[in-house]
C-alpha atoms as a PDB file:
ATOM      1  CA  UNK A   1     202.263 -93.805  -0.899  1.00  0.00           C
ATOM      2  CA  UNK A   2     202.054 -97.354   0.402  1.00  0.00           C
ATOM      3  CA  UNK A   3     198.445 -97.878   1.597  1.00  0.00           C
ATOM      4  CA  UNK A   4     199.615-100.514   4.088  1.00  0.00           C
ATOM      5  CA  UNK A   5     201.860 -98.173   6.081  1.00  0.00           C
ATOM      6  CA  UNK A   6     200.714 -95.368   8.342  1.00  0.00           C
ATOM      7  CA  UNK A   7     202.734 -92.259   9.001  1.00  0.00           C
ATOM      8  CA  UNK A   8     202.785 -90.213  12.204  1.00  0.00           C
ATOM      9  CA  UNK A   9     200.214 -87.691  10.937  1.00  0.00           C
ATOM     10  CA  UNK A  10     197.751 -90.424   9.947  1.00  0.00           C
ATOM     11  CA  UNK A  11     198.079 -92.094  13.345  1.00  0.00           C
ATOM     12  CA  UNK A  12     197.625 -88.742  15.104  1.00  0.00           C
ATOM     13  CA  UNK A  13     194.537 -87.928  13.038  1.00  0.00           C
ATOM     14  CA  UNK A  14     193.091 -91.373  13.739  1.00  0.00           C
ATOM     15  CA  UNK A  15     193.766 -90.949  17.465  1.00  0.00           C
ATOM     16  CA  UNK A  16     192.022 -87.575  17.516  1.00  0.00           C
ATOM     17  CA  UNK A  17     189.176 -89.011  15.458  1.00  0.00           C
ATOM     18  CA  UNK A  18     188.683 -91.891  17.859  1.00  0.00           C
ATOM     19  CA  UNK A  19     188.580 -89.466  20.796  1.00  0.00           C
ATOM     20  CA  UNK A  20     186.057 -87.281  18.938  1.00  0.00           C
ATOM     21  CA  UNK A  21     184.099 -90.307  17.832  1.00  0.00           C
ATOM     22  CA  UNK A  22     183.991 -91.616  21.380  1.00  0.00           C
ATOM     23  CA  UNK A  23     182.081 -88.512  22.365  1.00  0.00           C
ATOM     24  CA  UNK A  24     184.717 -86.681  24.368  1.00  0.00           C
ATOM     25  CA  UNK A  25     184.762 -83.794  21.954  1.00  0.00           C
ATOM     26  CA  UNK A  26     181.118 -83.541  20.983  1.00  0.00           C
ATOM     27  CA  UNK A  27     180.120 -79.909  20.679  1.00  0.00           C
ATOM     28  CA  UNK A  28     177.707 -79.469  23.573  1.00  0.00           C
ATOM     29  CA  UNK A  29     179.905 -81.332  26.054  1.00  0.00           C
ATOM     30  CA  UNK A  30     183.008 -79.439  24.977  1.00  0.00           C
ATOM     31  CA  UNK A  31     181.129 -76.178  25.462  1.00  0.00           C
ATOM     32  CA  UNK A  32     179.874 -77.312  28.867  1.00  0.00           C
ATOM     33  CA  UNK A  33     183.284 -78.606  29.990  1.00  0.00           C
ATOM     34  CA  UNK A  34     185.477 -75.802  28.699  1.00  0.00           C
ATOM     35  CA  UNK A  35     183.611 -72.969  26.981  1.00  0.00           C
ATOM     36  CA  UNK A  36     181.724 -71.631  29.962  1.00  0.00           C
ATOM     37  CA  UNK A  37     184.979 -71.030  31.854  1.00  0.00           C
ATOM     38  CA  UNK A  38     186.382 -68.502  29.384  1.00  0.00           C
ATOM     39  CA  UNK A  39     190.185 -68.257  29.598  1.00  0.00           C
ATOM     40  CA  UNK A  40     190.323 -70.968  32.253  1.00  0.00           C
ATOM     41  CA  UNK A  41     188.501 -73.196  29.756  1.00  0.00           C
ATOM     42  CA  UNK A  42     191.390 -72.745  27.325  1.00  0.00           C
ATOM     43  CA  UNK A  43     193.746 -73.924  30.074  1.00  0.00           C
ATOM     44  CA  UNK A  44     191.473 -76.946  30.533  1.00  0.00           C
ATOM     45  CA  UNK A  45     191.569 -77.707  26.812  1.00  0.00           C
ATOM     46  CA  UNK A  46     195.366 -77.481  26.814  1.00  0.00           C
ATOM     47  CA  UNK A  47     195.610 -79.740  29.886  1.00  0.00           C
ATOM     48  CA  UNK A  48     193.249 -82.298  28.328  1.00  0.00           C
ATOM     49  CA  UNK A  49     195.286 -82.198  25.112  1.00  0.00           C
ATOM     50  CA  UNK A  50     198.531 -82.778  26.995  1.00  0.00           C
ATOM     51  CA  UNK A  51     196.949 -85.660  28.932  1.00  0.00           C
ATOM     52  CA  UNK A  52     195.684 -87.320  25.735  1.00  0.00           C
ATOM     53  CA  UNK A  53     199.116 -86.977  24.125  1.00  0.00           C
ATOM     54  CA  UNK A  54     200.953 -88.309  27.185  1.00  0.00           C
ATOM     55  CA  UNK A  55     198.561 -91.214  27.787  1.00  0.00           C
ATOM     56  CA  UNK A  56     198.485 -92.098  24.087  1.00  0.00           C
ATOM     57  CA  UNK A  57     202.285 -92.103  24.003  1.00  0.00           C
ATOM     58  CA  UNK A  58     202.465 -94.197  27.179  1.00  0.00           C
ATOM     59  CA  UNK A  59     200.064 -96.807  25.801  1.00  0.00           C
ATOM     60  CA  UNK A  60     201.937 -96.935  22.491  1.00  0.00           C
ATOM     61  CA  UNK A  61     205.308 -97.227  24.254  1.00  0.00           C
ATOM     62  CA  UNK A  62     204.100-100.051  26.503  1.00  0.00           C
ATOM     63  CA  UNK A  63     202.525-101.907  23.559  1.00  0.00           C
ATOM     64  CA  UNK A  64     205.712-101.592  21.513  1.00  0.00           C
ATOM     65  CA  UNK A  65     207.964-102.603  24.410  1.00  0.00           C
ATOM     66  CA  UNK A  66     205.784-105.653  25.157  1.00  0.00           C
ATOM     67  CA  UNK A  67     205.435-106.370  21.418  1.00  0.00           C
ATOM     68  CA  UNK A  68     201.665-106.788  21.667  1.00  0.00           C
ATOM     69  CA  UNK A  69     198.420-105.448  20.277  1.00  0.00           C
ATOM     70  CA  UNK A  70     196.306-106.898  23.096  1.00  0.00           C
ATOM     71  CA  UNK A  71     195.046-104.272  25.529  1.00  0.00           C
ATOM     72  CA  UNK A  72     195.034-106.779  28.400  1.00  0.00           C
ATOM     73  CA  UNK A  73     198.786-107.234  28.074  1.00  0.00           C
ATOM     74  CA  UNK A  74     199.312-103.481  27.839  1.00  0.00           C
ATOM     75  CA  UNK A  75     197.225-102.705  30.917  1.00  0.00           C
ATOM     76  CA  UNK A  76     198.345-105.579  33.122  1.00  0.00           C
ATOM     77  CA  UNK A  77     201.691-105.312  34.922  1.00  0.00           C
ATOM     78  CA  UNK A  78     201.687-109.101  35.315  1.00  0.00           C
ATOM     79  CA  UNK A  79     202.647-111.737  32.807  1.00  0.00           C
ATOM     80  CA  UNK A  80     199.541-113.835  33.436  1.00  0.00           C
ATOM     81  CA  UNK A  81     197.198-115.336  30.875  1.00  0.00           C
ATOM     82  CA  UNK A  82     194.424-115.424  33.496  1.00  0.00           C
ATOM     83  CA  UNK A  83     194.757-111.689  34.223  1.00  0.00           C
ATOM     84  CA  UNK A  84     194.909-110.919  30.492  1.00  0.00           C
ATOM     85  CA  UNK A  85     191.762-113.002  29.918  1.00  0.00           C
ATOM     86  CA  UNK A  86     189.913-111.308  32.806  1.00  0.00           C
ATOM     87  CA  UNK A  87     190.840-107.878  31.424  1.00  0.00           C
ATOM     88  CA  UNK A  88     189.668-109.017  27.976  1.00  0.00           C
ATOM     89  CA  UNK A  89     186.296-110.150  29.353  1.00  0.00           C
ATOM     90  CA  UNK A  90     185.838-106.945  31.357  1.00  0.00           C
ATOM     91  CA  UNK A  91     186.609-104.879  28.265  1.00  0.00           C
ATOM     92  CA  UNK A  92     184.217-106.992  26.181  1.00  0.00           C
ATOM     93  CA  UNK A  93     181.437-106.319  28.694  1.00  0.00           C
ATOM     94  CA  UNK A  94     182.251-102.598  28.695  1.00  0.00           C
ATOM     95  CA  UNK A  95     182.279-102.476  24.884  1.00  0.00           C
ATOM     96  CA  UNK A  96     178.997-104.396  24.720  1.00  0.00           C
ATOM     97  CA  UNK A  97     177.460-101.940  27.200  1.00  0.00           C
ATOM     98  CA  UNK A  98     178.736 -99.047  25.083  1.00  0.00           C
ATOM     99  CA  UNK A  99     177.072-100.474  21.973  1.00  0.00           C
ATOM    100  CA  UNK A 100     173.798-100.813  23.884  1.00  0.00           C
ATOM    101  CA  UNK A 101     174.043 -97.191  25.090  1.00  0.00           C
ATOM    102  CA  UNK A 102     175.012 -95.964  21.607  1.00  0.00           C
ATOM    103  CA  UNK A 103     172.127 -97.797  19.989  1.00  0.00           C
ATOM    104  CA  UNK A 104     169.643 -96.396  22.514  1.00  0.00           C
ATOM    105  CA  UNK A 105     170.938 -92.834  22.141  1.00  0.00           C
ATOM    106  CA  UNK A 106     171.254 -93.114  18.361  1.00  0.00           C
ATOM    107  CA  UNK A 107     167.798 -94.643  18.040  1.00  0.00           C
ATOM    108  CA  UNK A 108     166.303 -91.823  20.115  1.00  0.00           C
ATOM    109  CA  UNK A 109     168.183 -89.200  18.104  1.00  0.00           C
ATOM    110  CA  UNK A 110     167.036 -90.639  14.774  1.00  0.00           C
ATOM    111  CA  UNK A 111     163.467 -90.799  16.063  1.00  0.00           C
ATOM    112  CA  UNK A 112     163.613 -87.196  17.260  1.00  0.00           C
ATOM    113  CA  UNK A 113     165.285 -85.810  14.134  1.00  0.00           C
ATOM    114  CA  UNK A 114     163.737 -87.937  11.386  1.00  0.00           C
ATOM    115  CA  UNK A 115     160.777 -89.795  12.892  1.00  0.00           C
ATOM    116  CA  UNK A 116     162.477 -93.190  12.495  1.00  0.00           C
ATOM    117  CA  UNK A 117     161.306 -95.825  14.987  1.00  0.00           C
ATOM    118  CA  UNK A 118     163.735 -96.137  17.942  1.00  0.00           C
ATOM    119  CA  UNK A 119     164.330 -99.834  17.345  1.00  0.00           C
ATOM    120  CA  UNK A 120     165.051 -99.301  13.647  1.00  0.00           C
ATOM    121  CA  UNK A 121     167.301 -96.312  14.436  1.00  0.00           C
ATOM    122  CA  UNK A 122     169.161 -98.242  17.142  1.00  0.00           C
ATOM    123  CA  UNK A 123     169.639-101.168  14.788  1.00  0.00           C
ATOM    124  CA  UNK A 124     171.042 -98.835  12.124  1.00  0.00           C
ATOM    125  CA  UNK A 125     173.545 -97.455  14.661  1.00  0.00           C
ATOM    126  CA  UNK A 126     174.622-100.955  15.744  1.00  0.00           C
ATOM    127  CA  UNK A 127     175.053-102.119  12.133  1.00  0.00           C
ATOM    128  CA  UNK A 128     177.111 -99.011  11.282  1.00  0.00           C
ATOM    129  CA  UNK A 129     179.237 -99.464  14.424  1.00  0.00           C
ATOM    130  CA  UNK A 130     179.922-103.133  13.737  1.00  0.00           C
ATOM    131  CA  UNK A 131     180.631-102.420  10.052  1.00  0.00           C
ATOM    132  CA  UNK A 132     183.118 -99.729  11.085  1.00  0.00           C
ATOM    133  CA  UNK A 133     184.880-101.828  13.738  1.00  0.00           C
ATOM    134  CA  UNK A 134     184.884-105.192  11.935  1.00  0.00           C
ATOM    135  CA  UNK A 135     188.118-106.350  10.380  1.00  0.00           C
ATOM    136  CA  UNK A 136     191.792-105.995  10.970  1.00  0.00           C
ATOM    137  CA  UNK A 137     193.724-102.846  11.776  1.00  0.00           C
ATOM    138  CA  UNK A 138     194.478-102.007   8.148  1.00  0.00           C
ATOM    139  CA  UNK A 139     190.778-102.104   7.208  1.00  0.00           C
ATOM    140  CA  UNK A 140     189.711-100.068  10.242  1.00  0.00           C
ATOM    141  CA  UNK A 141     192.466 -97.510   9.661  1.00  0.00           C
ATOM    142  CA  UNK A 142     191.298 -97.213   6.043  1.00  0.00           C
ATOM    143  CA  UNK A 143     187.739 -96.520   7.216  1.00  0.00           C
ATOM    144  CA  UNK A 144     189.054 -93.943   9.688  1.00  0.00           C
ATOM    145  CA  UNK A 145     191.194 -92.269   7.027  1.00  0.00           C
ATOM    146  CA  UNK A 146     187.988 -91.732   5.079  1.00  0.00           C
ATOM    147  CA  UNK A 147     185.658 -90.771   7.931  1.00  0.00           C
ATOM    148  CA  UNK A 148     187.918 -88.590  10.107  1.00  0.00           C
ATOM    149  CA  UNK A 149     188.392 -85.786   7.544  1.00  0.00           C
ATOM    150  CA  UNK A 150     184.617 -85.717   7.009  1.00  0.00           C
ATOM    151  CA  UNK A 151     183.967 -85.614  10.771  1.00  0.00           C
ATOM    152  CA  UNK A 152     186.610 -82.923  11.236  1.00  0.00           C
ATOM    153  CA  UNK A 153     185.087 -80.799   8.461  1.00  0.00           C
ATOM    154  CA  UNK A 154     181.582 -81.096   9.917  1.00  0.00           C
ATOM    155  CA  UNK A 155     182.869 -80.151  13.400  1.00  0.00           C
ATOM    156  CA  UNK A 156     184.738 -77.119  12.031  1.00  0.00           C
ATOM    157  CA  UNK A 157     181.643 -75.960  10.120  1.00  0.00           C
ATOM    158  CA  UNK A 158     179.534 -76.362  13.275  1.00  0.00           C
ATOM    159  CA  UNK A 159     182.075 -74.370  15.309  1.00  0.00           C
ATOM    160  CA  UNK A 160     182.101 -71.547  12.767  1.00  0.00           C
ATOM    161  CA  UNK A 161     178.290 -71.510  12.666  1.00  0.00           C
ATOM    162  CA  UNK A 162     178.062 -71.333  16.461  1.00  0.00           C
ATOM    163  CA  UNK A 163     180.685 -68.567  16.630  1.00  0.00           C
ATOM    164  CA  UNK A 164     178.938 -66.554  13.919  1.00  0.00           C
ATOM    165  CA  UNK A 165     175.460 -67.019  15.377  1.00  0.00           C
ATOM    166  CA  UNK A 166     176.385 -66.936  19.067  1.00  0.00           C
ATOM    167  CA  UNK A 167     175.578 -69.485  21.727  1.00  0.00           C
ATOM    168  CA  UNK A 168     172.924 -69.317  24.421  1.00  0.00           C
ATOM    169  CA  UNK A 169     174.762 -70.147  27.649  1.00  0.00           C
ATOM    170  CA  UNK A 170     171.675 -71.047  29.681  1.00  0.00           C
END
């Protein structure tokens, strides 16, 4: 298999992995959003899945039709460098804020779980995030192809453990 080319399954797995990695599908939140509603929760999961598929397809279609990889050009209905630049700056600020929030949460988690100082733990999270996101698409997709199966396996094990042990709903 050519390592430079991605097939549909690899792109789908990466897309799901990014959504999981972004926190949408973390265990506690998924339980809180969907699990407590029983059968209606399953409907919610299906609706969310359909929305992610539709929106992912829409973004891909727009990017392909505009022949671009820049999110500003995908999001903006205008053909304006100024608008594209403003969108780029807004996204940069949002991404920077996300890294700050991730480092704070990760630092607190590492302190709670392992006794690591919050600043050291936050720095570790930032370094890992930057190391994961640095580089071109081929490098990042290679990292994701390695990490997503591991993440998926851990999530499946956690789900099985929760189902076997039971979950306190309070």
